[in-house]
Amino acid sequence: MISFDGYRAIDLSPRIKARVHRVDGSIEEGTSDPYGKPWVMQEGRFPGDNSLFTLYSAPKDDAVWHQERMTSHHGAHVQGGKGHIDHWPGMPADMRGLWEMPLETFVGPASVVNLDHLEPRADDDSERYPLGEGFKMKSQKGDLRGQEILPEHLGQIDQGDIVLMTSCYEGLQQPWLSEQTAHWLIKDRKIRMLGLQASGVQWQYALKVSAPENSPIRRLLLGANVPIAHPLVNIDTLKQGRVFYFGLPLNTPKSEASFIRAIAFEAPDA
């Protein structure tokens, strides 16, 4: 029997207060997730017994969210490749959905990788540093930029680990995950899942480049059936290099992403 008595539980999911449109016409204001996405809901009344419920959606005229539809990519979530990017040119045919992955993919021993020591540099190799989320984020000559994350920086990762990664840096100063290192994580370390804090590691770059050169890290990881959990919080507060991670997706077929409650358990001090 597994027991977590004495363990320290750390919540890795951001707490988000919903903006709710109440049945009486009032609006209860809320907050946003770490990426700035609001969580908007509509209250309703079930006529059968006069009970109340809330729908995860925004009215078309909502002043905060620009469209009625909302997805499971809001707040802490885990995403897989099937149903998400398997239609992109160049993707492998054997991509699996979250609902097809074993539960052990999302639960188990995790390596905590804090990259605060990779201080940004004034590197003139502007062609080496990747594009950001859009072309406007491309760094210029002389910019202070983050370092490339290399396998030598990740020596604590064991084969088959879940990996939780962060740093204290933001924007162009974040250390960045290169294709070379993503290949190493997949082939050499055989990681099960990658969890990322909202900021700290640049991995969502070249998103607007023409396929099949776009979004190389998502292509590599999701193409190898390594799901990605983000935006997480509090990875930087973990005191131990190894934790037990728990962050299961909903058991919903054909859902390319799922809300999660991500938790890390730190063992009692020896």
Protein backbone atom coordinates (compact mmCIF):
# COMPACT_ATOMS: atom_id res chain seq x y z
CA MET A 1 0.00 0.00 0.00
CA ILE A 2 1.39 3.40 -1.02
CA SER A 3 1.31 6.01 1.73
CA PHE A 4 2.11 9.71 1.48
CA ASP A 5 2.04 10.24 5.23
CA GLY A 6 4.72 12.77 6.09
CA TYR A 7 5.11 13.90 2.48
CA ARG A 8 4.80 17.58 1.55
CA ALA A 9 2.18 18.17 -1.15
CA ILE A 10 2.84 21.13 -3.47
CA ASP A 11 0.11 22.36 -5.79
CA LEU A 12 1.52 22.91 -9.29
CA SER A 13 -1.79 24.12 -10.74
CA PRO A 14 -2.55 27.85 -10.74
CA ARG A 15 -5.65 28.89 -8.84
CA ILE A 16 -8.01 30.71 -11.20
CA LYS A 17 -11.18 32.49 -10.12
CA ALA A 18 -13.86 32.32 -12.80
CA ARG A 19 -15.60 35.35 -14.25
CA VAL A 20 -19.25 34.25 -13.90
CA HIS A 21 -22.35 35.59 -15.63
CA ARG A 22 -25.06 34.99 -12.99
CA VAL A 23 -28.69 34.21 -13.77
CA ASP A 24 -29.74 37.50 -12.16
CA GLY A 25 -27.76 39.41 -14.79
CA SER A 26 -24.82 40.32 -12.55
CA ILE A 27 -21.22 39.51 -13.38
CA GLU A 28 -18.82 38.18 -10.78
CA GLU A 29 -15.32 39.17 -11.85
CA GLY A 30 -12.48 36.69 -11.95
CA THR A 31 -8.79 36.29 -12.69
CA SER A 32 -6.71 34.87 -15.54
CA ASP A 33 -4.38 31.92 -15.88
CA PRO A 34 -0.59 32.48 -16.08
CA TYR A 35 -0.84 33.01 -19.84
CA GLY A 36 -3.44 35.74 -19.37
CA LYS A 37 -6.43 33.65 -20.47
CA PRO A 38 -9.60 34.26 -18.45
CA TRP A 39 -11.85 31.53 -17.10
CA VAL A 40 -15.39 32.56 -18.06
CA MET A 41 -18.57 30.73 -17.06
CA GLN A 42 -22.33 31.18 -17.37
CA GLU A 43 -24.68 30.30 -14.56
CA GLY A 44 -27.88 28.48 -15.43
CA ARG A 45 -30.93 27.08 -13.71
CA PHE A 46 -32.15 23.48 -14.08
CA PRO A 47 -35.96 23.66 -14.31
CA GLY A 48 -36.45 20.15 -12.94
CA ASP A 49 -35.49 21.02 -9.36
CA ASN A 50 -34.43 24.68 -9.49
CA SER A 51 -30.76 23.79 -8.90
CA LEU A 52 -28.01 25.98 -10.34
CA PHE A 53 -25.13 24.99 -12.61
CA THR A 54 -22.33 26.78 -14.44
CA LEU A 55 -21.29 26.26 -18.05
CA TYR A 56 -17.69 26.65 -19.13
CA SER A 57 -18.38 29.22 -21.84
CA ALA A 58 -18.62 32.96 -22.39
CA PRO A 59 -21.60 34.87 -23.78
CA LYS A 60 -20.94 36.27 -27.23
CA ASP A 61 -20.94 39.81 -25.87
CA ASP A 62 -18.52 39.11 -22.99
CA ALA A 63 -16.13 42.02 -22.53
CA VAL A 64 -13.18 39.86 -21.44
CA TRP A 65 -13.17 36.80 -23.70
CA HIS A 66 -13.39 37.50 -27.43
CA GLN A 67 -15.24 34.34 -28.45
CA GLU A 68 -17.93 32.18 -26.95
CA ARG A 69 -16.01 28.93 -27.26
CA MET A 70 -13.41 28.04 -24.64
CA THR A 71 -11.10 25.02 -24.67
CA SER A 72 -9.29 22.72 -22.28
CA HIS A 73 -6.08 24.63 -23.07
CA HIS A 74 -7.02 27.22 -20.43
CA GLY A 75 -5.29 26.92 -17.07
CA ALA A 76 -3.11 23.95 -16.12
CA HIS A 77 -3.59 21.26 -18.74
CA VAL A 78 -1.81 18.37 -20.41
CA GLN A 79 -1.82 18.05 -24.19
CA GLY A 80 -1.17 15.13 -26.48
CA GLY A 81 -0.59 14.95 -30.20
CA LYS A 82 -3.52 12.96 -31.60
CA GLY A 83 -6.44 15.22 -32.44
CA HIS A 84 -4.18 18.23 -31.89
CA ILE A 85 -1.32 18.31 -34.39
CA ASP A 86 -1.43 14.87 -36.05
CA HIS A 87 -2.86 16.52 -39.18
CA TRP A 88 0.28 18.65 -39.63
CA PRO A 89 2.56 17.70 -42.53
CA GLY A 90 5.43 15.48 -41.46
CA MET A 91 3.87 14.04 -38.29
CA PRO A 92 4.20 10.29 -37.56
CA ALA A 93 1.24 8.00 -38.10
CA ASP A 94 1.42 6.31 -34.68
CA MET A 95 0.62 9.33 -32.52
CA ARG A 96 -1.60 8.52 -29.56
CA GLY A 97 -4.25 10.53 -27.80
CA LEU A 98 -4.17 11.23 -24.08
CA TRP A 99 -6.97 8.70 -23.63
CA GLU A 100 -4.80 6.01 -25.22
CA MET A 101 -1.74 6.53 -23.02
CA PRO A 102 -1.14 4.42 -19.89
CA LEU A 103 -1.91 6.11 -16.58
CA GLU A 104 1.77 5.75 -15.62
CA THR A 105 2.51 8.42 -18.23
CA PHE A 106 1.05 11.04 -15.90
CA VAL A 107 1.90 9.65 -12.46
CA GLY A 108 5.23 8.69 -10.95
CA PRO A 109 8.81 9.69 -10.14
CA ALA A 110 9.77 13.08 -11.51
CA SER A 111 13.03 14.93 -11.90
CA VAL A 112 12.94 18.62 -10.95
CA VAL A 113 15.09 20.73 -13.28
CA ASN A 114 15.69 24.29 -12.11
CA LEU A 115 17.83 26.19 -14.64
CA ASP A 116 18.45 29.39 -12.67
CA HIS A 117 22.18 28.86 -13.16
CA LEU A 118 21.85 29.31 -16.94
CA GLU A 119 22.22 33.06 -16.87
CA PRO A 120 21.34 34.97 -20.06
CA ARG A 121 24.20 36.21 -22.20
CA ALA A 122 24.80 39.04 -24.66
CA ASP A 123 25.42 36.60 -27.50
CA ASP A 124 25.79 37.99 -31.02
CA ASP A 125 24.78 34.68 -32.63
CA SER A 126 21.29 35.95 -33.41
CA GLU A 127 20.71 33.23 -35.99
CA ARG A 128 21.26 30.50 -33.40
CA TYR A 129 18.66 31.74 -30.94
CA PRO A 130 15.16 30.57 -31.97
CA LEU A 131 12.19 32.63 -33.03
CA GLY A 132 9.78 33.38 -30.25
CA GLU A 133 6.05 32.67 -30.27
CA GLY A 134 5.70 35.05 -33.19
CA PHE A 135 8.17 36.73 -35.50
CA LYS A 136 8.06 39.89 -33.36
CA MET A 137 9.88 38.06 -30.57
CA LYS A 138 12.96 37.33 -32.67
CA SER A 139 16.04 38.54 -30.84
CA GLN A 140 18.35 41.11 -32.34
CA LYS A 141 22.13 41.39 -32.32
CA GLY A 142 23.31 42.40 -28.86
CA ASP A 143 20.17 41.35 -27.03
CA LEU A 144 20.58 39.60 -23.69
CA ARG A 145 19.38 36.11 -24.51
CA GLY A 146 18.91 32.84 -22.71
CA GLN A 147 21.27 29.91 -23.11
CA GLU A 148 20.50 26.74 -25.03
CA ILE A 149 19.56 23.90 -22.69
CA LEU A 150 21.99 21.06 -23.35
CA PRO A 151 22.01 17.42 -22.21
CA GLU A 152 24.93 18.28 -19.92
CA HIS A 153 22.56 20.56 -17.97
CA LEU A 154 20.10 17.69 -17.44
CA GLY A 155 22.29 15.00 -15.94
CA GLN A 156 19.92 14.42 -13.01
CA ILE A 157 17.19 13.03 -15.27
CA ASP A 158 16.85 9.25 -15.08
CA GLN A 159 15.48 7.09 -17.84
CA GLY A 160 11.68 6.96 -17.79
CA ASP A 161 11.29 10.07 -15.64
CA ILE A 162 8.58 12.64 -15.72
CA VAL A 163 10.44 15.97 -16.01
CA LEU A 164 9.40 19.25 -14.35
CA MET A 165 11.37 22.20 -15.74
CA THR A 166 11.64 25.89 -14.85
CA SER A 167 13.97 28.87 -14.35
CA CYS A 168 13.68 32.37 -12.91
CA TYR A 169 13.98 34.07 -16.31
CA GLU A 170 11.33 35.52 -18.63
CA GLY A 171 11.00 36.51 -22.28
CA LEU A 172 14.10 36.31 -24.44
CA GLN A 173 16.22 35.68 -21.35
CA GLN A 174 14.71 32.25 -20.76
CA PRO A 175 16.96 29.27 -21.47
CA TRP A 176 15.58 27.52 -24.52
CA LEU A 177 14.94 23.89 -25.32
CA SER A 178 16.57 23.00 -28.62
CA GLU A 179 15.64 20.24 -31.06
CA GLN A 180 18.92 18.49 -30.28
CA THR A 181 18.12 18.32 -26.57
CA ALA A 182 14.49 17.33 -27.17
CA HIS A 183 15.78 14.41 -29.27
CA TRP A 184 18.06 13.43 -26.37
CA LEU A 185 15.22 13.57 -23.85
CA ILE A 186 13.14 11.30 -26.09
CA LYS A 187 15.73 8.81 -27.31
CA ASP A 188 18.28 8.67 -24.50
CA ARG A 189 16.30 9.54 -21.36
CA LYS A 190 12.99 8.15 -22.67
CA ILE A 191 11.04 10.68 -20.59
CA ARG A 192 7.34 10.01 -20.07
CA MET A 193 6.06 13.57 -19.80
CA LEU A 194 7.39 17.13 -19.70
CA GLY A 195 5.91 19.66 -17.26
CA LEU A 196 6.73 23.35 -17.68
CA GLN A 197 6.19 26.40 -15.53
CA ALA A 198 4.32 29.27 -17.21
CA SER A 199 7.61 31.09 -17.79
CA GLY A 200 11.20 30.02 -17.36
CA VAL A 201 11.85 27.85 -20.42
CA GLN A 202 11.36 28.93 -24.02
CA TRP A 203 9.91 25.98 -25.93
CA GLN A 204 6.99 27.47 -27.84
CA TYR A 205 8.96 29.07 -30.63
CA ALA A 206 8.78 29.22 -34.44
CA LEU A 207 4.99 28.90 -34.23
CA LYS A 208 4.40 30.94 -37.38
CA VAL A 209 7.08 29.35 -39.51
CA SER A 210 5.78 27.39 -42.51
CA ALA A 211 5.22 23.66 -41.95
CA PRO A 212 7.00 21.35 -41.45
CA GLU A 213 9.51 23.68 -39.72
CA ASN A 214 6.96 25.16 -37.33
CA SER A 215 6.79 24.47 -33.60
CA PRO A 216 9.68 21.97 -33.52
CA ILE A 217 9.50 21.07 -29.82
CA ARG A 218 5.80 20.25 -29.90
CA ARG A 219 6.38 18.26 -33.08
CA LEU A 220 9.16 16.23 -31.50
CA LEU A 221 7.64 15.57 -28.07
CA LEU A 222 4.02 15.03 -29.07
CA GLY A 223 5.13 13.12 -32.15
CA ALA A 224 6.99 10.73 -29.81
CA ASN A 225 3.90 10.47 -27.55
CA VAL A 226 5.51 12.51 -24.79
CA PRO A 227 2.69 14.75 -23.50
CA ILE A 228 3.32 18.30 -22.29
CA ALA A 229 1.77 19.76 -19.12
CA HIS A 230 1.65 23.57 -18.76
CA PRO A 231 1.35 26.30 -17.54
CA LEU A 232 2.33 24.94 -14.14
CA VAL A 233 3.33 26.96 -11.08
CA ASN A 234 5.49 26.44 -7.98
CA ILE A 235 8.05 24.16 -9.65
CA ASP A 236 10.58 26.76 -8.50
CA THR A 237 9.53 26.23 -4.87
CA LEU A 238 10.31 22.51 -4.86
CA LYS A 239 13.17 21.82 -2.44
CA GLN A 240 14.09 18.35 -3.65
CA GLY A 241 15.53 17.23 -6.96
CA ARG A 242 13.17 14.28 -7.15
CA VAL A 243 9.45 14.24 -6.35
CA PHE A 244 6.41 12.06 -6.98
CA TYR A 245 4.19 13.74 -9.58
CA PHE A 246 0.44 13.36 -10.05
CA GLY A 247 -1.48 15.05 -12.87
CA LEU A 248 -4.04 12.83 -14.58
CA PRO A 249 -6.09 13.91 -17.61
CA LEU A 250 -9.81 13.26 -17.78
CA ASN A 251 -10.75 9.88 -19.26
CA THR A 252 -12.36 11.49 -22.30
CA PRO A 253 -11.73 9.99 -25.75
CA LYS A 254 -10.95 12.37 -28.61
CA SER A 255 -9.97 15.17 -26.22
CA GLU A 256 -6.61 16.52 -27.40
CA ALA A 257 -6.01 18.29 -24.07
CA SER A 258 -7.36 18.00 -20.55
CA PHE A 259 -7.54 20.12 -17.44
CA ILE A 260 -5.38 18.66 -14.66
CA ARG A 261 -4.75 19.23 -10.97
CA ALA A 262 -0.98 18.82 -10.96
CA ILE A 263 0.62 17.96 -7.61
CA ALA A 264 4.17 17.17 -6.51
CA PHE A 265 4.86 15.16 -3.37
CA GLU A 266 8.20 15.71 -1.63
CA ALA A 267 9.48 12.92 0.58
CA PRO A 268 10.09 13.56 4.28
CA ASP A 269 13.57 14.87 4.99
CA ALA A 270 16.01 12.05 5.58
